[in-house]
Amino acid sequence: MGALTDVQIIKKDGKPAFAVIPYEKYLSLLPKHEDATVPHEVVGLVIKKGMNLVKAWRTHLGLTQKEIAKRAGISQAALSQMEKSANELRTATLEKLARAMGISVEQLRD
């Protein structure tokens, strides 16, 4: 693991108590999901509401298109099109969206 930069140390009683790191770095430290699971609620949105997995996950997580688009480094309009599309998204795009939502790429694949 590379050196951590942009770390904020929060002290309590003059001693380090917490380390705040950039969100992207936090996501990279999370364990990789070998057995990716999709919650029942997400599956329900796909089946009952006809949503694709990107929209279903975003809805399930209570996130807006604007939030996800900003985190993924894409426009809200692009995300909106991705959520309407039945086309398969490129792996690089799925990786950006998965990181933005804190889930694995496998959880976004049909």
Protein backbone atom coordinates (compact mmCIF):
# COMPACT_ATOMS: atom_id res chain seq x y z
CA MET A 1 0.00 0.00 0.00
CA GLY A 2 1.34 3.44 -0.94
CA ALA A 3 1.89 6.25 1.50
CA LEU A 4 -1.22 8.01 2.70
CA THR A 5 -1.37 11.67 1.83
CA ASP A 6 -4.11 14.17 2.60
CA VAL A 7 -4.73 12.56 6.00
CA GLN A 8 -6.29 14.66 8.74
CA ILE A 9 -5.49 13.60 12.31
CA ILE A 10 -8.07 14.49 14.95
CA LYS A 11 -6.79 14.58 18.50
CA LYS A 12 -8.54 14.01 21.80
CA ASP A 13 -6.81 15.09 24.97
CA GLY A 14 -3.73 15.90 22.91
CA LYS A 15 -3.42 12.35 21.51
CA PRO A 16 -4.35 11.10 18.02
CA ALA A 17 -7.86 9.67 18.14
CA PHE A 18 -9.02 9.54 14.51
CA ALA A 19 -7.52 9.66 11.03
CA VAL A 20 -9.65 11.12 8.24
CA ILE A 21 -8.66 9.93 4.78
CA PRO A 22 -9.97 10.74 1.30
CA TYR A 23 -13.11 8.77 0.41
CA GLU A 24 -11.51 7.14 -2.66
CA LYS A 25 -8.68 5.84 -0.48
CA TYR A 26 -11.20 4.51 2.05
CA LEU A 27 -13.00 2.61 -0.71
CA SER A 28 -9.72 1.10 -1.89
CA LEU A 29 -9.08 -0.23 1.62
CA LEU A 30 -12.38 -2.10 1.82
CA PRO A 31 -12.20 -5.86 1.33
CA LYS A 32 -12.92 -7.08 -2.18
CA HIS A 33 -16.18 -9.00 -2.52
CA GLU A 34 -15.39 -12.43 -3.88
CA ASP A 35 -18.97 -13.61 -3.49
CA ALA A 36 -20.84 -10.50 -4.56
CA THR A 37 -24.38 -10.48 -3.28
CA VAL A 38 -27.26 -8.25 -4.20
CA PRO A 39 -29.77 -7.38 -1.48
CA HIS A 40 -33.38 -8.49 -1.87
CA GLU A 41 -34.47 -4.84 -2.08
CA VAL A 42 -32.22 -4.21 -5.09
CA VAL A 43 -33.48 -7.34 -6.84
CA GLY A 44 -37.05 -6.23 -6.11
CA LEU A 45 -36.44 -2.85 -7.77
CA VAL A 46 -35.03 -4.59 -10.84
CA ILE A 47 -37.93 -7.04 -11.11
CA LYS A 48 -40.91 -5.00 -9.91
CA LYS A 49 -39.92 -1.55 -11.17
CA GLY A 50 -37.92 -2.58 -14.24
CA MET A 51 -34.83 -0.67 -13.12
CA ASN A 52 -31.36 -1.66 -14.27
CA LEU A 53 -28.85 -2.52 -11.56
CA VAL A 54 -27.19 0.92 -11.60
CA LYS A 55 -30.45 2.72 -10.85
CA ALA A 56 -31.66 0.05 -8.44
CA TRP A 57 -28.47 0.25 -6.36
CA ARG A 58 -28.50 4.06 -6.36
CA THR A 59 -32.13 4.09 -5.26
CA HIS A 60 -31.50 1.44 -2.60
CA LEU A 61 -28.56 3.41 -1.20
CA GLY A 62 -30.64 6.61 -1.09
CA LEU A 63 -28.22 8.52 -3.30
CA THR A 64 -29.03 11.09 -5.97
CA GLN A 65 -27.83 11.02 -9.55
CA LYS A 66 -25.92 14.22 -8.81
CA GLU A 67 -24.04 12.59 -5.89
CA ILE A 68 -23.09 9.47 -7.85
CA ALA A 69 -22.12 11.43 -10.96
CA LYS A 70 -19.85 13.72 -8.96
CA ARG A 71 -18.18 10.80 -7.15
CA ALA A 72 -17.73 8.90 -10.43
CA GLY A 73 -16.42 11.93 -12.32
CA ILE A 74 -19.16 11.86 -14.95
CA SER A 75 -22.04 14.17 -15.81
CA GLN A 76 -25.47 13.72 -14.31
CA ALA A 77 -26.87 13.55 -17.85
CA ALA A 78 -24.54 10.64 -18.67
CA LEU A 79 -25.61 8.79 -15.52
CA SER A 80 -29.25 9.40 -16.37
CA GLN A 81 -28.71 7.80 -19.79
CA MET A 82 -26.90 4.85 -18.19
CA GLU A 83 -29.84 4.30 -15.86
CA LYS A 84 -32.28 4.25 -18.79
CA SER A 85 -30.15 2.02 -20.96
CA ALA A 86 -30.41 -1.72 -21.26
CA ASN A 87 -27.00 -1.75 -22.93
CA GLU A 88 -24.05 -3.28 -21.13
CA LEU A 89 -21.69 -0.66 -19.76
CA ARG A 90 -17.94 -0.77 -20.25
CA THR A 91 -15.94 -2.30 -17.40
CA ALA A 92 -14.18 1.03 -16.73
CA THR A 93 -17.57 2.73 -16.36
CA LEU A 94 -18.85 0.00 -14.05
CA GLU A 95 -15.71 0.38 -11.93
CA LYS A 96 -16.29 4.13 -11.54
CA LEU A 97 -19.93 3.62 -10.61
CA ALA A 98 -19.15 0.80 -8.17
CA ARG A 99 -16.51 2.91 -6.40
CA ALA A 100 -18.92 5.85 -6.26
CA MET A 101 -21.54 3.65 -4.54
CA GLY A 102 -19.13 1.67 -2.35
CA ILE A 103 -20.02 -1.67 -3.91
CA SER A 104 -18.17 -4.16 -6.11
CA VAL A 105 -18.26 -4.23 -9.89
CA GLU A 106 -19.71 -7.73 -9.71
CA GLN A 107 -22.75 -6.34 -7.91
CA LEU A 108 -23.49 -4.17 -10.95
CA ARG A 109 -23.29 -6.98 -13.51
CA ASP A 110 -26.42 -8.77 -14.69
